[in-house]
C-alpha atoms as a PDB file:
ATOM      1  CA  MET A   1      75.953 119.533  95.738  1.00  0.00           C
ATOM      2  CA  SER A   2      73.572 117.439  97.887  1.00  0.00           C
ATOM      3  CA  ALA A   3      72.353 113.976  96.955  1.00  0.00           C
ATOM      4  CA  ILE A   4      68.802 115.133  96.348  1.00  0.00           C
ATOM      5  CA  ASP A   5      69.893 118.064  94.156  1.00  0.00           C
ATOM      6  CA  SER A   6      72.072 115.770  92.048  1.00  0.00           C
ATOM      7  CA  ILE A   7      69.103 113.467  91.418  1.00  0.00           C
ATOM      8  CA  ALA A   8      67.049 116.432  90.193  1.00  0.00           C
ATOM      9  CA  LYS A   9      69.810 117.290  87.684  1.00  0.00           C
ATOM     10  CA  GLN A  10      69.880 113.892  85.975  1.00  0.00           C
ATOM     11  CA  SER A  11      69.869 113.834  82.192  1.00  0.00           C
ATOM     12  CA  GLU A  12      66.441 113.184  80.693  1.00  0.00           C
ATOM     13  CA  LEU A  13      65.290 109.579  80.410  1.00  0.00           C
ATOM     14  CA  PRO A  14      62.632 108.975  77.736  1.00  0.00           C
ATOM     15  CA  ASN A  15      59.736 106.791  78.933  1.00  0.00           C
ATOM     16  CA  VAL A  16      61.078 106.714  82.503  1.00  0.00           C
ATOM     17  CA  ASN A  17      59.099 108.244  85.369  1.00  0.00           C
ATOM     18  CA  VAL A  18      61.450 109.327  88.177  1.00  0.00           C
ATOM     19  CA  ARG A  19      60.262 109.737  91.759  1.00  0.00           C
ATOM     20  CA  ILE A  20      62.424 110.564  94.770  1.00  0.00           C
ATOM     21  CA  LEU A  21      61.964 108.860  98.121  1.00  0.00           C
ATOM     22  CA  VAL A  22      63.859 110.231 101.130  1.00  0.00           C
ATOM     23  CA  ILE A  23      64.227 107.854 104.087  1.00  0.00           C
ATOM     24  CA  ASP A  24      65.239 109.731 107.240  1.00  0.00           C
ATOM     25  CA  ASN A  25      66.839 107.325 109.750  1.00  0.00           C
ATOM     26  CA  ASP A  26      67.682 109.901 112.442  1.00  0.00           C
ATOM     27  CA  SER A  27      65.905 109.785 115.790  1.00  0.00           C
ATOM     28  CA  ALA A  28      64.301 113.155 114.955  1.00  0.00           C
ATOM     29  CA  PRO A  29      62.920 114.071 111.487  1.00  0.00           C
ATOM     30  CA  THR A  30      65.956 116.197 110.653  1.00  0.00           C
ATOM     31  CA  ALA A  31      65.553 115.927 106.878  1.00  0.00           C
ATOM     32  CA  PHE A  32      61.933 117.046 106.748  1.00  0.00           C
ATOM     33  CA  ASN A  33      62.699 120.741 106.238  1.00  0.00           C
ATOM     34  CA  ILE A  34      65.275 119.906 103.559  1.00  0.00           C
ATOM     35  CA  VAL A  35      62.682 117.901 101.651  1.00  0.00           C
ATOM     36  CA  THR A  36      60.055 120.623 102.095  1.00  0.00           C
ATOM     37  CA  ASP A  37      62.411 123.232 100.659  1.00  0.00           C
ATOM     38  CA  PHE A  38      63.387 120.945  97.789  1.00  0.00           C
ATOM     39  CA  ARG A  39      59.737 120.379  96.843  1.00  0.00           C
ATOM     40  CA  ARG A  40      59.386 124.121  96.246  1.00  0.00           C
ATOM     41  CA  ARG A  41      62.262 124.034  93.750  1.00  0.00           C
ATOM     42  CA  THR A  42      61.393 121.016  91.602  1.00  0.00           C
ATOM     43  CA  ASP A  43      58.598 119.385  89.628  1.00  0.00           C
ATOM     44  CA  ILE A  44      59.817 115.889  90.561  1.00  0.00           C
ATOM     45  CA  HIS A  45      57.530 113.951  92.886  1.00  0.00           C
ATOM     46  CA  VAL A  46      59.239 113.659  96.277  1.00  0.00           C
ATOM     47  CA  ASP A  47      58.108 111.397  99.131  1.00  0.00           C
ATOM     48  CA  TYR A  48      59.466 111.543 102.675  1.00  0.00           C
ATOM     49  CA  LYS A  49      59.440 108.827 105.320  1.00  0.00           C
ATOM     50  CA  HIS A  50      60.823 109.101 108.845  1.00  0.00           C
ATOM     51  CA  VAL A  51      62.176 105.763 110.112  1.00  0.00           C
ATOM     52  CA  PRO A  52      63.807 106.370 113.518  1.00  0.00           C
ATOM     53  CA  GLY A  53      66.029 103.743 115.080  1.00  0.00           C
ATOM     54  CA  GLN A  54      69.464 104.425 113.584  1.00  0.00           C
ATOM     55  CA  ASN A  55      69.395 101.000 111.959  1.00  0.00           C
ATOM     56  CA  ILE A  56      70.281 101.143 108.279  1.00  0.00           C
ATOM     57  CA  SER A  57      68.465  97.876 107.495  1.00  0.00           C
ATOM     58  CA  MET A  58      65.217  99.340 108.830  1.00  0.00           C
ATOM     59  CA  ALA A  59      65.721 102.370 106.593  1.00  0.00           C
ATOM     60  CA  ARG A  60      66.454 100.303 103.507  1.00  0.00           C
ATOM     61  CA  ASN A  61      63.491  97.989 104.160  1.00  0.00           C
ATOM     62  CA  ALA A  62      61.284 101.061 104.477  1.00  0.00           C
ATOM     63  CA  GLY A  63      62.518 102.036 101.028  1.00  0.00           C
ATOM     64  CA  LEU A  64      61.598  98.616  99.648  1.00  0.00           C
ATOM     65  CA  ASP A  65      58.141  98.873 101.218  1.00  0.00           C
ATOM     66  CA  ALA A  66      57.438 102.422 100.047  1.00  0.00           C
ATOM     67  CA  ALA A  67      58.691 102.015  96.470  1.00  0.00           C
ATOM     68  CA  THR A  68      55.869 102.276  93.929  1.00  0.00           C
ATOM     69  CA  THR A  69      58.029 101.990  90.810  1.00  0.00           C
ATOM     70  CA  PRO A  70      59.258  98.818  89.037  1.00  0.00           C
ATOM     71  CA  TRP A  71      62.873  99.758  89.795  1.00  0.00           C
ATOM     72  CA  LEU A  72      64.382 101.291  92.927  1.00  0.00           C
ATOM     73  CA  ALA A  73      67.773 103.044  93.046  1.00  0.00           C
ATOM     74  CA  PHE A  74      69.677 103.564  96.287  1.00  0.00           C
ATOM     75  CA  VAL A  75      72.254 106.281  96.963  1.00  0.00           C
ATOM     76  CA  ASP A  76      73.548 107.482 100.331  1.00  0.00           C
ATOM     77  CA  ASP A  77      72.850 110.960 101.653  1.00  0.00           C
ATOM     78  CA  ASP A  78      76.560 111.864 101.693  1.00  0.00           C
ATOM     79  CA  GLU A  79      76.928 111.189  97.956  1.00  0.00           C
ATOM     80  CA  PHE A  80      76.071 113.095  94.803  1.00  0.00           C
ATOM     81  CA  ALA A  81      75.431 111.595  91.398  1.00  0.00           C
ATOM     82  CA  SER A  82      76.957 112.401  88.025  1.00  0.00           C
ATOM     83  CA  THR A  83      74.410 113.790  85.559  1.00  0.00           C
ATOM     84  CA  ASN A  84      74.280 110.543  83.536  1.00  0.00           C
ATOM     85  CA  TRP A  85      74.216 108.256  86.610  1.00  0.00           C
ATOM     86  CA  LEU A  86      70.633 107.070  86.342  1.00  0.00           C
ATOM     87  CA  ALA A  87      70.718 106.847  82.545  1.00  0.00           C
ATOM     88  CA  GLU A  88      73.743 104.529  82.770  1.00  0.00           C
ATOM     89  CA  LEU A  89      72.043 102.304  85.352  1.00  0.00           C
ATOM     90  CA  VAL A  90      68.841 102.136  83.318  1.00  0.00           C
ATOM     91  CA  ALA A  91      70.734 101.347  80.111  1.00  0.00           C
ATOM     92  CA  SER A  92      72.365  98.328  81.798  1.00  0.00           C
ATOM     93  CA  ARG A  93      69.273  96.808  83.398  1.00  0.00           C
ATOM     94  CA  ASP A  94      68.097  94.595  80.503  1.00  0.00           C
ATOM     95  CA  GLY A  95      68.188  91.031  81.835  1.00  0.00           C
ATOM     96  CA  ALA A  96      69.595  92.111  85.204  1.00  0.00           C
ATOM     97  CA  ASN A  97      67.931  92.169  88.610  1.00  0.00           C
ATOM     98  CA  ALA A  98      70.441  94.554  90.174  1.00  0.00           C
ATOM     99  CA  VAL A  99      72.846  97.001  88.534  1.00  0.00           C
ATOM    100  CA  PHE A 100      75.707  98.520  90.521  1.00  0.00           C
ATOM    101  CA  GLY A 101      77.744 101.602  89.705  1.00  0.00           C
ATOM    102  CA  PRO A 102      81.024 102.851  91.182  1.00  0.00           C
ATOM    103  CA  CYS A 103      81.161 105.173  94.174  1.00  0.00           C
ATOM    104  CA  GLU A 104      84.271 107.340  93.861  1.00  0.00           C
ATOM    105  CA  ALA A 105      85.734 108.849  97.026  1.00  0.00           C
ATOM    106  CA  MET A 106      86.766 112.505  96.970  1.00  0.00           C
ATOM    107  CA  TYR A 107      89.511 113.351  99.471  1.00  0.00           C
ATOM    108  CA  ASP A 108      90.412 116.790 100.749  1.00  0.00           C
ATOM    109  CA  ASP A 109      93.925 118.175 101.087  1.00  0.00           C
ATOM    110  CA  GLY A 110      94.340 116.971 104.670  1.00  0.00           C
ATOM    111  CA  THR A 111      93.902 113.284 103.841  1.00  0.00           C
ATOM    112  CA  PRO A 112      97.021 111.124 104.446  1.00  0.00           C
ATOM    113  CA  ASP A 113      98.712 109.994 101.239  1.00  0.00           C
ATOM    114  CA  TRP A 114      98.454 106.299 102.121  1.00  0.00           C
ATOM    115  CA  ILE A 115      94.654 106.624 102.293  1.00  0.00           C
ATOM    116  CA  ARG A 116      94.515 108.474  98.981  1.00  0.00           C
ATOM    117  CA  GLN A 117      96.680 105.864  97.272  1.00  0.00           C
ATOM    118  CA  GLY A 118      94.851 102.922  98.827  1.00  0.00           C
ATOM    119  CA  ASP A 119      91.467 104.529  98.082  1.00  0.00           C
ATOM    120  CA  TYR A 120      89.766 102.590 100.886  1.00  0.00           C
ATOM    121  CA  HIS A 121      86.577 104.649 100.782  1.00  0.00           C
ATOM    122  CA  SER A 122      85.533 103.985  97.185  1.00  0.00           C
ATOM    123  CA  ASN A 123      83.172 101.176  96.154  1.00  0.00           C
ATOM    124  CA  ARG A 124      83.753  99.391  92.881  1.00  0.00           C
ATOM    125  CA  ILE A 125      83.261  95.919  91.451  1.00  0.00           C
ATOM    126  CA  THR A 126      86.152  94.367  89.591  1.00  0.00           C
ATOM    127  CA  GLU A 127      84.948  93.338  86.157  1.00  0.00           C
ATOM    128  CA  ARG A 128      84.505  89.577  86.052  1.00  0.00           C
ATOM    129  CA  SER A 129      82.248  86.976  84.486  1.00  0.00           C
ATOM    130  CA  ARG A 130      80.051  86.552  87.561  1.00  0.00           C
ATOM    131  CA  ILE A 131      79.055  89.059  90.245  1.00  0.00           C
ATOM    132  CA  THR A 132      77.765  87.360  93.401  1.00  0.00           C
ATOM    133  CA  THR A 133      77.062  90.306  95.712  1.00  0.00           C
ATOM    134  CA  GLY A 134      77.206  94.086  95.876  1.00  0.00           C
ATOM    135  CA  TYR A 135      76.429  97.247  97.836  1.00  0.00           C
ATOM    136  CA  THR A 136      73.703  99.855  98.292  1.00  0.00           C
ATOM    137  CA  SER A 137      75.772 103.004  97.879  1.00  0.00           C
ATOM    138  CA  ASN A 138      74.954 102.949  94.154  1.00  0.00           C
ATOM    139  CA  VAL A 139      72.506 100.359  92.861  1.00  0.00           C
ATOM    140  CA  LEU A 140      69.340  99.870  90.815  1.00  0.00           C
ATOM    141  CA  ILE A 141      67.077  97.034  92.018  1.00  0.00           C
ATOM    142  CA  ASP A 142      64.380  95.082  90.165  1.00  0.00           C
ATOM    143  CA  MET A 143      61.511  95.389  92.650  1.00  0.00           C
ATOM    144  CA  ALA A 144      59.426  92.624  91.071  1.00  0.00           C
ATOM    145  CA  PHE A 145      62.257  90.149  91.697  1.00  0.00           C
ATOM    146  CA  ALA A 146      62.837  91.455  95.232  1.00  0.00           C
ATOM    147  CA  ARG A 147      59.157  91.127  96.145  1.00  0.00           C
ATOM    148  CA  ARG A 148      58.733  87.757  94.468  1.00  0.00           C
ATOM    149  CA  HIS A 149      61.529  86.300  96.565  1.00  0.00           C
ATOM    150  CA  GLY A 150      60.785  88.212  99.760  1.00  0.00           C
ATOM    151  CA  LEU A 151      64.196  89.883  99.842  1.00  0.00           C
ATOM    152  CA  ARG A 152      64.828  92.014 102.922  1.00  0.00           C
ATOM    153  CA  PHE A 153      67.803  93.677 104.614  1.00  0.00           C
ATOM    154  CA  ASP A 154      68.634  91.884 107.853  1.00  0.00           C
ATOM    155  CA  PRO A 155      67.898  94.197 110.829  1.00  0.00           C
ATOM    156  CA  GLU A 156      70.499  92.342 112.897  1.00  0.00           C
ATOM    157  CA  LEU A 157      73.139  93.703 110.529  1.00  0.00           C
ATOM    158  CA  GLY A 158      71.723  97.212 110.575  1.00  0.00           C
ATOM    159  CA  ARG A 159      74.354  98.508 113.010  1.00  0.00           C
ATOM    160  CA  THR A 160      77.322  96.504 111.823  1.00  0.00           C
ATOM    161  CA  GLY A 161      77.284  96.815 108.063  1.00  0.00           C
ATOM    162  CA  GLY A 162      77.174  93.813 105.748  1.00  0.00           C
ATOM    163  CA  GLU A 163      73.394  93.974 105.346  1.00  0.00           C
ATOM    164  CA  ASP A 164      73.811  94.863 101.677  1.00  0.00           C
ATOM    165  CA  THR A 165      76.379  92.096 101.096  1.00  0.00           C
ATOM    166  CA  MET A 166      73.894  89.594 102.515  1.00  0.00           C
ATOM    167  CA  PHE A 167      70.933  91.035 100.582  1.00  0.00           C
ATOM    168  CA  PHE A 168      72.557  90.890  97.158  1.00  0.00           C
ATOM    169  CA  HIS A 169      74.171  87.497  97.717  1.00  0.00           C
ATOM    170  CA  THR A 170      70.722  86.203  98.660  1.00  0.00           C
ATOM    171  CA  MET A 171      69.448  87.699  95.388  1.00  0.00           C
ATOM    172  CA  TYR A 172      72.227  85.925  93.507  1.00  0.00           C
ATOM    173  CA  ARG A 173      71.513  82.602  95.243  1.00  0.00           C
ATOM    174  CA  LYS A 174      67.857  82.888  94.239  1.00  0.00           C
ATOM    175  CA  GLY A 175      68.802  83.203  90.577  1.00  0.00           C
ATOM    176  CA  GLY A 176      69.202  86.953  90.321  1.00  0.00           C
ATOM    177  CA  VAL A 177      71.517  88.452  87.707  1.00  0.00           C
ATOM    178  CA  LEU A 178      73.868  91.123  89.067  1.00  0.00           C
ATOM    179  CA  ARG A 179      75.547  93.559  86.677  1.00  0.00           C
ATOM    180  CA  TYR A 180      78.047  96.414  86.851  1.00  0.00           C
ATOM    181  CA  ALA A 181      77.718  99.723  84.998  1.00  0.00           C
ATOM    182  CA  SER A 182      81.108 101.431  85.232  1.00  0.00           C
ATOM    183  CA  GLY A 183      79.750 104.695  83.804  1.00  0.00           C
ATOM    184  CA  ALA A 184      77.031 105.117  86.466  1.00  0.00           C
ATOM    185  CA  VAL A 185      79.221 107.109  88.859  1.00  0.00           C
ATOM    186  CA  VAL A 186      78.362 108.686  92.195  1.00  0.00           C
ATOM    187  CA  TYR A 187      80.831 110.632  94.328  1.00  0.00           C
ATOM    188  CA  GLU A 188      81.350 110.796  98.085  1.00  0.00           C
ATOM    189  CA  SER A 189      83.211 113.573  99.876  1.00  0.00           C
ATOM    190  CA  VAL A 190      85.181 111.837 102.626  1.00  0.00           C
ATOM    191  CA  VAL A 191      84.933 113.714 105.932  1.00  0.00           C
ATOM    192  CA  GLN A 192      88.013 113.925 108.142  1.00  0.00           C
ATOM    193  CA  SER A 193      86.463 111.735 110.836  1.00  0.00           C
ATOM    194  CA  ARG A 194      86.637 108.860 108.345  1.00  0.00           C
ATOM    195  CA  ALA A 195      89.982 109.684 106.759  1.00  0.00           C
ATOM    196  CA  ASN A 196      92.131 108.093 109.442  1.00  0.00           C
ATOM    197  CA  PHE A 197      93.790 104.848 110.461  1.00  0.00           C
ATOM    198  CA  ALA A 198      91.157 103.772 113.022  1.00  0.00           C
ATOM    199  CA  TRP A 199      88.223 104.137 110.620  1.00  0.00           C
ATOM    200  CA  VAL A 200      89.925 102.241 107.797  1.00  0.00           C
ATOM    201  CA  VAL A 201      90.920  99.439 110.182  1.00  0.00           C
ATOM    202  CA  LYS A 202      87.341  99.097 111.408  1.00  0.00           C
ATOM    203  CA  ARG A 203      85.991  99.034 107.874  1.00  0.00           C
ATOM    204  CA  ARG A 204      88.410  96.347 106.709  1.00  0.00           C
ATOM    205  CA  TYR A 205      87.838  94.271 109.846  1.00  0.00           C
ATOM    206  CA  ARG A 206      84.076  94.373 109.421  1.00  0.00           C
ATOM    207  CA  ALA A 207      84.396  93.532 105.714  1.00  0.00           C
ATOM    208  CA  GLY A 208      86.267  90.351 106.651  1.00  0.00           C
ATOM    209  CA  GLN A 209      83.588  89.473 109.179  1.00  0.00           C
ATOM    210  CA  ALA A 210      80.825  90.117 106.643  1.00  0.00           C
ATOM    211  CA  ARG A 211      82.496  87.816 104.141  1.00  0.00           C
ATOM    212  CA  ALA A 212      82.692  85.069 106.757  1.00  0.00           C
ATOM    213  CA  LEU A 213      79.066  85.641 107.770  1.00  0.00           C
ATOM    214  CA  VAL A 214      77.789  85.303 104.209  1.00  0.00           C
ATOM    215  CA  SER A 215      79.779  82.125 103.498  1.00  0.00           C
ATOM    216  CA  HIS A 216      78.713  80.677 106.865  1.00  0.00           C
ATOM    217  CA  LYS A 217      75.051  81.187 105.936  1.00  0.00           C
ATOM    218  CA  PHE A 218      75.138  80.032 102.326  1.00  0.00           C
ATOM    219  CA  ASP A 219      78.182  77.837 101.672  1.00  0.00           C
ATOM    220  CA  HIS A 220      79.577  75.835 104.586  1.00  0.00           C
ATOM    221  CA  PRO A 221      82.484  74.246 102.613  1.00  0.00           C
ATOM    222  CA  GLU A 222      83.531  77.753 101.521  1.00  0.00           C
ATOM    223  CA  TYR A 223      83.247  78.936 105.137  1.00  0.00           C
ATOM    224  CA  VAL A 224      85.501  76.118 106.306  1.00  0.00           C
ATOM    225  CA  ARG A 225      88.016  76.947 103.571  1.00  0.00           C
ATOM    226  CA  LEU A 226      88.015  80.630 104.493  1.00  0.00           C
ATOM    227  CA  SER A 227      88.429  79.828 108.184  1.00  0.00           C
ATOM    228  CA  CYS A 228      91.373  77.520 107.517  1.00  0.00           C
ATOM    229  CA  THR A 229      93.213  79.743 105.056  1.00  0.00           C
ATOM    230  CA  ALA A 230      92.638  83.111 106.736  1.00  0.00           C
ATOM    231  CA  PRO A 231      95.404  82.666 109.399  1.00  0.00           C
ATOM    232  CA  LEU A 232      97.986  81.881 106.714  1.00  0.00           C
ATOM    233  CA  LYS A 233      96.838  84.810 104.585  1.00  0.00           C
ATOM    234  CA  ALA A 234      96.933  87.155 107.591  1.00  0.00           C
ATOM    235  CA  ALA A 235     100.468  86.013 108.387  1.00  0.00           C
ATOM    236  CA  ILE A 236     101.624  86.541 104.792  1.00  0.00           C
ATOM    237  CA  CYS A 237     100.088  90.014 104.810  1.00  0.00           C
ATOM    238  CA  ALA A 238     101.911  90.862 108.058  1.00  0.00           C
ATOM    239  CA  ILE A 239     105.226  89.761 106.526  1.00  0.00           C
ATOM    240  CA  MET A 240     104.598  91.747 103.365  1.00  0.00           C
ATOM    241  CA  ALA A 241     103.644  94.817 105.405  1.00  0.00           C
ATOM    242  CA  ALA A 242     106.967  94.564 107.231  1.00  0.00           C
ATOM    243  CA  VAL A 243     108.959  93.994 104.024  1.00  0.00           C
ATOM    244  CA  THR A 244     107.389  96.981 102.262  1.00  0.00           C
ATOM    245  CA  ILE A 245     107.738  99.476 105.139  1.00  0.00           C
ATOM    246  CA  PRO A 246     109.936 101.820 103.027  1.00  0.00           C
ATOM    247  CA  ASN A 247     106.879 102.313 100.795  1.00  0.00           C
ATOM    248  CA  ARG A 248     104.308 103.377 103.388  1.00  0.00           C
ATOM    249  CA  ALA A 249     101.278 103.271 101.111  1.00  0.00           C
ATOM    250  CA  ARG A 250     102.125  99.727 100.006  1.00  0.00           C
ATOM    251  CA  ALA A 251     102.850  98.594 103.558  1.00  0.00           C
ATOM    252  CA  MET A 252      99.522  99.970 104.736  1.00  0.00           C
ATOM    253  CA  TRP A 253      97.758  98.215 101.859  1.00  0.00           C
ATOM    254  CA  TRP A 254      99.171  94.879 103.017  1.00  0.00           C
ATOM    255  CA  LEU A 255      98.304  95.676 106.626  1.00  0.00           C
ATOM    256  CA  MET A 256      94.683  96.453 105.756  1.00  0.00           C
ATOM    257  CA  ARG A 257      94.462  93.268 103.712  1.00  0.00           C
ATOM    258  CA  GLY A 258      95.706  91.364 106.744  1.00  0.00           C
ATOM    259  CA  ILE A 259      93.111  93.047 108.956  1.00  0.00           C
ATOM    260  CA  PHE A 260      90.426  91.908 106.507  1.00  0.00           C
ATOM    261  CA  HIS A 261      91.568  88.307 107.009  1.00  0.00           C
ATOM    262  CA  TRP A 262      91.714  88.848 110.759  1.00  0.00           C
ATOM    263  CA  GLY A 263      88.042  89.838 110.596  1.00  0.00           C
ATOM    264  CA  THR A 264      87.339  86.447 109.016  1.00  0.00           C
ATOM    265  CA  ILE A 265      89.367  84.727 111.749  1.00  0.00           C
ATOM    266  CA  SER A 266      87.556  86.558 114.534  1.00  0.00           C
ATOM    267  CA  TYR A 267      84.159  85.484 113.224  1.00  0.00           C
ATOM    268  CA  ALA A 268      85.306  81.866 112.929  1.00  0.00           C
ATOM    269  CA  LEU A 269      86.575  82.012 116.526  1.00  0.00           C
ATOM    270  CA  GLY A 270      83.111  83.018 117.716  1.00  0.00           C
ATOM    271  CA  ALA A 271      83.538  86.773 118.040  1.00  0.00           C
ATOM    272  CA  GLY A 272      80.572  87.434 115.775  1.00  0.00           C
ATOM    273  CA  VAL A 273      80.091  90.577 113.714  1.00  0.00           C
ATOM    274  CA  TYR A 274      81.190  93.559 115.760  1.00  0.00           C
ATOM    275  CA  GLU A 275      78.540  96.153 116.538  1.00  0.00           C
ATOM    276  CA  GLU A 276      79.589  99.594 117.644  1.00  0.00           C
ATOM    277  CA  TYR A 277      76.271 100.050 119.490  1.00  0.00           C
ATOM    278  CA  GLY A 278      75.034  96.729 120.781  1.00  0.00           C
ATOM    279  CA  LYS A 279      75.856  93.069 121.103  1.00  0.00           C
ATOM    280  CA  PRO A 280      77.792  91.212 118.398  1.00  0.00           C
ATOM    281  CA  ILE A 281      75.975  88.723 116.188  1.00  0.00           C
ATOM    282  CA  GLU A 282      77.268  85.322 117.180  1.00  0.00           C
ATOM    283  CA  PRO A 283      77.811  82.563 114.583  1.00  0.00           C
ATOM    284  CA  THR A 284      75.451  79.604 115.062  1.00  0.00           C
END
């Protein structure tokens, strides 16, 4: 099932008007025909906007600009939503300015066991008393709050990732309330090009860099603490990875945790946030 079809199959929401907005970030308007065909099959209002540039922040900002509803939900085009996804998000929004749901990875039979067991492709928030940031793979945003505080996704992070981490931490710092709705589930089928060692390493490395970037911008004492403790944590993770080698999945978990801390170290050393297509963002 495609993302857009799964939105059309959501359970009914009394007193809620649902509109679909498709942001096409490819260089060519590749999704236009898909949207045109979908319009013939549904009564839901569907808007389409082509935002070339292959910069995810530009696409997300276009979504913020084009939204005409009080609340805006983001899902990725490689996901599909459970039938009660939107109802669960809406039910949890009272008093919140952003509500996140889990994104559950679906692996095919060719996926290595250590990736399945580590589940590195899913997005979840561990239940805790205070949520300070989040992600855009499954979220409902209070547009009045976002507009009042001028919240935007940083275009400089549009090719590295971390733009959503920065956006929602900025929301939190401006007094926003972030909440988690564990029942608002979306699913992502993990393609083979992402179910491998190199991709997981890159993701964990960038996550460590994004954490350092956010603390560097908002909390300098925290940034200093992270920079000082990351080498020790990386070393401990390397030792634990070696000790647990007989259990490959566990050893790989420790290794990926160490790579996360190495991402923090690299940013502190001046490497900046790695961009696959372009120059890294240097710390200032």
